[in-house]
N, C-alpha and C. Protein backbone atom coordinates (compact mmCIF):
# COMPACT_ATOMS: atom_id res chain seq x y z
N MET A 1 28.23 78.75 55.63
CA MET A 1 27.86 77.74 55.03
C MET A 1 26.35 77.73 54.69
N HIS A 2 25.98 77.58 53.62
CA HIS A 2 24.64 77.56 52.96
C HIS A 2 24.24 76.57 53.03
N LEU A 3 22.72 76.50 53.47
CA LEU A 3 21.90 75.22 53.51
C LEU A 3 20.94 75.55 52.53
N SER A 4 20.46 74.33 51.87
CA SER A 4 19.64 74.33 50.97
C SER A 4 17.76 74.47 51.88
N LYS A 5 16.88 75.16 50.92
CA LYS A 5 15.93 75.02 51.62
C LYS A 5 15.37 73.69 52.18
N GLU A 6 15.20 72.45 51.81
CA GLU A 6 14.96 71.51 52.41
C GLU A 6 16.01 71.24 53.88
N GLU A 7 17.03 71.67 53.84
CA GLU A 7 17.49 71.56 55.14
C GLU A 7 17.45 72.63 56.09
N ARG A 8 16.74 73.77 55.81
CA ARG A 8 16.70 74.86 56.78
C ARG A 8 15.09 74.26 57.50
N GLU A 9 15.46 73.82 58.33
CA GLU A 9 14.05 73.00 59.19
C GLU A 9 13.43 73.87 60.06
N THR A 10 12.52 73.80 60.96
CA THR A 10 11.81 74.14 61.95
C THR A 10 11.29 72.90 62.78
N ILE A 11 11.81 72.91 63.69
CA ILE A 11 11.23 71.56 64.65
C ILE A 11 10.71 72.06 65.82
N ILE A 12 9.90 71.73 66.46
CA ILE A 12 9.32 71.73 67.61
C ILE A 12 8.92 70.53 68.54
N CYS A 13 9.69 70.51 69.68
CA CYS A 13 9.93 69.32 70.44
C CYS A 13 9.12 69.56 72.07
N TYR A 14 8.36 68.76 72.48
CA TYR A 14 7.87 68.70 73.83
C TYR A 14 7.31 67.65 74.17
N ASN A 15 7.24 67.37 75.23
CA ASN A 15 6.73 65.98 75.99
C ASN A 15 5.50 66.25 76.75
N GLU A 16 4.85 65.46 76.81
CA GLU A 16 3.49 65.41 77.52
C GLU A 16 3.83 65.86 79.23
N ALA A 17 4.85 65.53 79.79
CA ALA A 17 5.35 65.81 81.15
C ALA A 17 5.45 67.25 81.44
N GLY A 18 6.29 68.09 80.40
CA GLY A 18 6.96 69.14 80.87
C GLY A 18 5.73 70.54 80.14
N GLU A 19 6.55 71.24 80.58
CA GLU A 19 5.38 72.73 80.23
C GLU A 19 5.97 73.58 79.10
N ALA A 20 7.19 73.38 79.01
CA ALA A 20 8.14 74.04 77.55
C ALA A 20 8.32 73.05 76.59
N ALA A 21 8.26 73.99 75.43
CA ALA A 21 8.86 73.32 74.04
C ALA A 21 9.68 73.88 73.52
N SER A 22 10.71 72.99 72.74
CA SER A 22 11.85 73.89 72.16
C SER A 22 11.61 74.33 70.72
N VAL A 23 11.89 75.21 70.32
CA VAL A 23 11.28 75.63 68.79
C VAL A 23 13.01 75.89 68.28
N TYR A 24 13.09 75.31 67.39
CA TYR A 24 14.49 75.38 66.19
C TYR A 24 14.20 75.76 65.02
N THR A 25 14.52 76.40 64.50
CA THR A 25 14.24 77.21 63.09
C THR A 25 14.98 77.62 62.57
N HIS A 26 15.25 77.73 61.13
CA HIS A 26 16.18 78.12 60.09
C HIS A 26 15.11 79.54 59.78
N ASN A 27 13.77 79.60 59.94
CA ASN A 27 12.93 80.39 59.18
C ASN A 27 13.07 81.65 59.89
N ALA A 28 13.21 82.93 58.91
CA ALA A 28 13.60 84.25 59.18
C ALA A 28 12.59 84.88 59.76
N ALA A 29 11.28 84.72 59.35
CA ALA A 29 10.10 85.26 60.12
C ALA A 29 9.90 84.86 61.44
N LEU A 30 10.34 83.38 61.49
CA LEU A 30 9.89 83.11 63.16
C LEU A 30 11.09 83.58 63.98
N ARG A 31 12.08 83.36 63.32
CA ARG A 31 13.10 83.76 64.28
C ARG A 31 12.89 85.39 64.67
N ARG A 32 12.76 86.45 63.99
CA ARG A 32 12.25 87.53 64.42
C ARG A 32 11.08 87.65 65.51
N LYS A 33 10.21 86.91 65.22
CA LYS A 33 8.72 86.70 66.13
C LYS A 33 9.25 86.14 67.43
N LEU A 34 9.98 85.28 67.58
CA LEU A 34 10.84 84.57 68.73
C LEU A 34 11.51 85.80 69.25
N GLU A 35 12.40 86.09 68.66
CA GLU A 35 13.50 87.13 69.29
C GLU A 35 12.44 88.52 70.01
N LYS A 36 11.42 88.79 69.21
CA LYS A 36 10.53 90.00 69.71
C LYS A 36 10.07 89.40 71.05
N LEU A 37 9.30 88.10 71.34
CA LEU A 37 8.67 87.69 72.18
C LEU A 37 9.62 87.37 73.46
N ALA A 38 11.14 87.01 73.51
CA ALA A 38 11.85 86.96 74.06
C ALA A 38 12.22 88.29 74.88
N GLN A 39 12.44 89.37 73.92
CA GLN A 39 12.69 90.24 74.54
C GLN A 39 11.38 91.18 75.32
N GLU A 40 10.35 90.89 74.80
CA GLU A 40 8.72 91.32 75.71
C GLU A 40 8.41 90.45 76.83
N ARG A 41 9.07 89.02 77.11
CA ARG A 41 8.39 88.26 78.01
C ARG A 41 9.56 87.32 78.22
N PRO A 42 10.69 87.69 78.63
CA PRO A 42 11.64 87.01 78.71
C PRO A 42 11.45 85.96 80.00
N ALA A 43 10.85 85.62 80.59
CA ALA A 43 10.53 84.83 81.98
C ALA A 43 9.88 83.45 81.04
N GLU A 44 8.88 83.88 80.02
CA GLU A 44 8.28 82.79 79.37
C GLU A 44 9.13 82.37 77.86
N CYS A 45 10.28 83.26 77.35
CA CYS A 45 10.33 82.77 76.56
C CYS A 45 11.89 83.37 76.23
N TRP A 46 13.07 82.65 75.86
CA TRP A 46 14.11 82.72 75.77
C TRP A 46 15.09 82.06 74.50
N LEU A 47 16.23 82.41 74.31
CA LEU A 47 17.21 81.80 73.60
C LEU A 47 18.01 80.98 73.95
N GLU A 48 17.95 79.79 73.77
CA GLU A 48 18.58 78.69 74.34
C GLU A 48 20.35 78.40 73.69
N LYS A 49 20.14 78.62 72.12
CA LYS A 49 21.48 78.63 71.59
C LYS A 49 21.26 79.06 70.06
N THR A 50 22.42 79.46 69.35
CA THR A 50 22.48 79.73 68.16
C THR A 50 23.15 78.64 67.28
N SER A 51 23.01 78.30 66.18
CA SER A 51 23.90 77.45 65.54
C SER A 51 24.00 77.95 64.10
N HIS A 52 24.52 77.20 63.14
CA HIS A 52 24.91 77.28 61.82
C HIS A 52 25.19 78.79 61.55
N ASP A 53 26.23 78.90 62.32
CA ASP A 53 26.80 80.61 62.04
C ASP A 53 25.34 81.27 62.08
N GLY A 54 24.66 81.50 63.07
CA GLY A 54 24.04 82.24 63.34
C GLY A 54 22.51 82.14 62.53
N GLN A 55 22.39 81.28 61.58
CA GLN A 55 21.37 81.07 60.91
C GLN A 55 19.97 80.53 61.59
N ALA A 56 20.36 79.61 62.60
CA ALA A 56 19.68 78.83 63.01
C ALA A 56 19.42 79.03 64.28
N VAL A 57 18.42 78.97 65.14
CA VAL A 57 18.35 79.46 66.88
C VAL A 57 17.51 78.51 67.55
N ASP A 58 17.53 78.23 68.74
CA ASP A 58 16.47 77.36 69.53
C ASP A 58 16.14 77.80 70.65
N TYR A 59 14.79 78.20 70.67
CA TYR A 59 14.18 78.92 71.22
C TYR A 59 13.57 78.05 72.57
N ILE A 60 13.13 78.34 73.79
CA ILE A 60 12.19 77.40 74.78
C ILE A 60 11.16 78.56 75.20
N VAL A 61 9.92 78.07 74.70
CA VAL A 61 8.54 78.75 75.18
C VAL A 61 7.89 77.81 75.78
N PRO A 62 6.61 78.33 76.30
CA PRO A 62 5.66 77.92 77.04
C PRO A 62 4.84 76.82 75.92
N LYS A 63 4.63 75.61 76.29
CA LYS A 63 4.03 74.64 75.37
C LYS A 63 2.99 74.85 74.94
N GLN A 64 1.95 75.78 75.81
CA GLN A 64 0.55 76.39 75.10
C GLN A 64 0.54 77.13 74.09
N TRP A 65 1.95 77.68 73.77
CA TRP A 65 2.00 78.68 72.54
C TRP A 65 2.08 77.95 71.08
N VAL A 66 2.05 76.81 71.48
CA VAL A 66 2.20 75.90 70.29
C VAL A 66 0.74 75.31 69.75
N LYS A 67 0.61 75.69 68.41
CA LYS A 67 -0.79 75.80 68.16
C LYS A 67 -0.66 75.18 66.45
N VAL A 68 -1.94 74.70 66.08
CA VAL A 68 -1.50 74.24 64.64
C VAL A 68 -3.07 74.60 64.44
N ASN A 69 -3.06 75.55 63.21
CA ASN A 69 -4.45 76.36 62.88
C ASN A 69 -4.48 75.76 61.33
N ALA A 70 -5.40 75.36 60.96
CA ALA A 70 -5.78 74.86 59.72
C ALA A 70 -6.52 76.03 58.66
N GLY A 71 -6.81 77.13 59.01
CA GLY A 71 -7.30 78.45 58.45
C GLY A 71 -8.96 78.12 58.34
N ARG A 72 -9.09 78.99 57.83
CA ARG A 72 -10.77 79.21 57.28
C ARG A 72 -10.97 78.47 56.05
N LEU A 73 -11.97 77.70 55.97
CA LEU A 73 -12.39 77.25 54.60
C LEU A 73 -13.26 78.32 54.00
N TRP A 74 -12.98 78.66 52.73
CA TRP A 74 -13.89 79.71 52.13
C TRP A 74 -14.82 79.15 51.05
N THR A 75 -16.11 79.63 50.77
CA THR A 75 -16.68 79.02 49.40
C THR A 75 -16.50 79.90 48.68
N ALA A 76 -16.52 79.45 47.12
CA ALA A 76 -16.21 80.51 46.12
C ALA A 76 -16.73 82.07 46.13
N GLU A 77 -18.18 81.64 46.59
CA GLU A 77 -18.49 83.22 46.50
C GLU A 77 -18.06 84.07 48.00
N GLN A 78 -17.67 83.49 48.83
CA GLN A 78 -16.85 84.18 49.86
C GLN A 78 -15.55 84.80 49.67
N ARG A 79 -15.01 83.79 48.56
CA ARG A 79 -13.59 84.17 48.33
C ARG A 79 -13.81 85.44 47.44
N ALA A 80 -14.66 85.00 46.37
CA ALA A 80 -14.86 86.46 45.49
C ALA A 80 -15.34 87.62 46.53
N ALA A 81 -16.14 87.40 47.40
CA ALA A 81 -16.46 88.90 48.03
C ALA A 81 -15.22 89.06 48.86
N GLN A 82 -14.50 88.62 49.13
CA GLN A 82 -13.18 89.00 50.09
C GLN A 82 -12.59 89.76 48.52
N VAL A 83 -12.09 89.45 47.41
CA VAL A 83 -11.34 90.18 46.72
C VAL A 83 -11.71 91.13 46.16
N GLU A 84 -13.38 91.19 46.07
CA GLU A 84 -14.01 92.34 45.77
C GLU A 84 -13.93 93.20 46.77
N ARG A 85 -13.85 93.18 48.00
CA ARG A 85 -13.49 94.21 49.09
C ARG A 85 -12.05 94.22 49.23
N GLY A 86 -11.29 93.74 48.94
CA GLY A 86 -9.50 93.93 48.66
C GLY A 86 -9.72 95.43 47.78
N ARG A 87 -10.33 94.73 46.62
CA ARG A 87 -10.20 95.77 45.17
C ARG A 87 -10.53 97.04 45.66
N LYS A 88 -11.86 97.31 46.39
CA LYS A 88 -12.45 98.40 46.79
C LYS A 88 -11.53 99.09 47.87
N LEU A 89 -10.94 98.54 48.65
CA LEU A 89 -10.09 99.08 49.85
C LEU A 89 -8.90 99.81 48.95
N GLY A 90 -8.35 98.88 48.04
CA GLY A 90 -7.29 99.28 47.19
C GLY A 90 -7.48 100.66 46.67
N SER A 91 -8.76 100.55 45.79
CA SER A 91 -8.93 101.93 45.16
C SER A 91 -9.29 103.28 45.93
N GLU A 92 -9.92 102.85 46.87
CA GLU A 92 -10.27 103.92 48.19
C GLU A 92 -9.14 104.44 48.36
N ARG A 93 -7.91 103.66 48.91
CA ARG A 93 -6.53 104.02 49.39
C ARG A 93 -6.11 104.64 48.12
N GLN A 94 -6.00 104.33 46.95
CA GLN A 94 -5.37 104.90 45.87
C GLN A 94 -5.96 106.42 45.62
N ASN A 95 -7.15 106.59 45.84
CA ASN A 95 -8.02 107.49 45.50
C ASN A 95 -7.71 108.84 46.75
N ALA A 96 -7.40 108.31 47.77
CA ALA A 96 -7.18 109.13 48.90
C ALA A 96 -5.65 109.68 48.81
N ARG A 97 -4.84 109.31 47.96
CA ARG A 97 -3.73 109.95 47.59
C ARG A 97 -3.76 111.26 46.93
């Protein structure tokens, strides 16, 4: 069964009383990350169920792992400096070959 991008959700649920959160996702990168965490830390993170013919997973994780990160705000000058550093690094790597 093929789902559209709009139908492929990631849902994180937890309540104020509990210590754990449920992470339901279709996102491949997040699924790989959760699978790796479950292998490395099985007491803290585990696969609860798989659904949609293996396309979606539901993991249980500690609630403290759930974060919202807005990212850094860059000025135009900082962004330009980062781009220049990236170009310099790229050319150094290219010259090293």
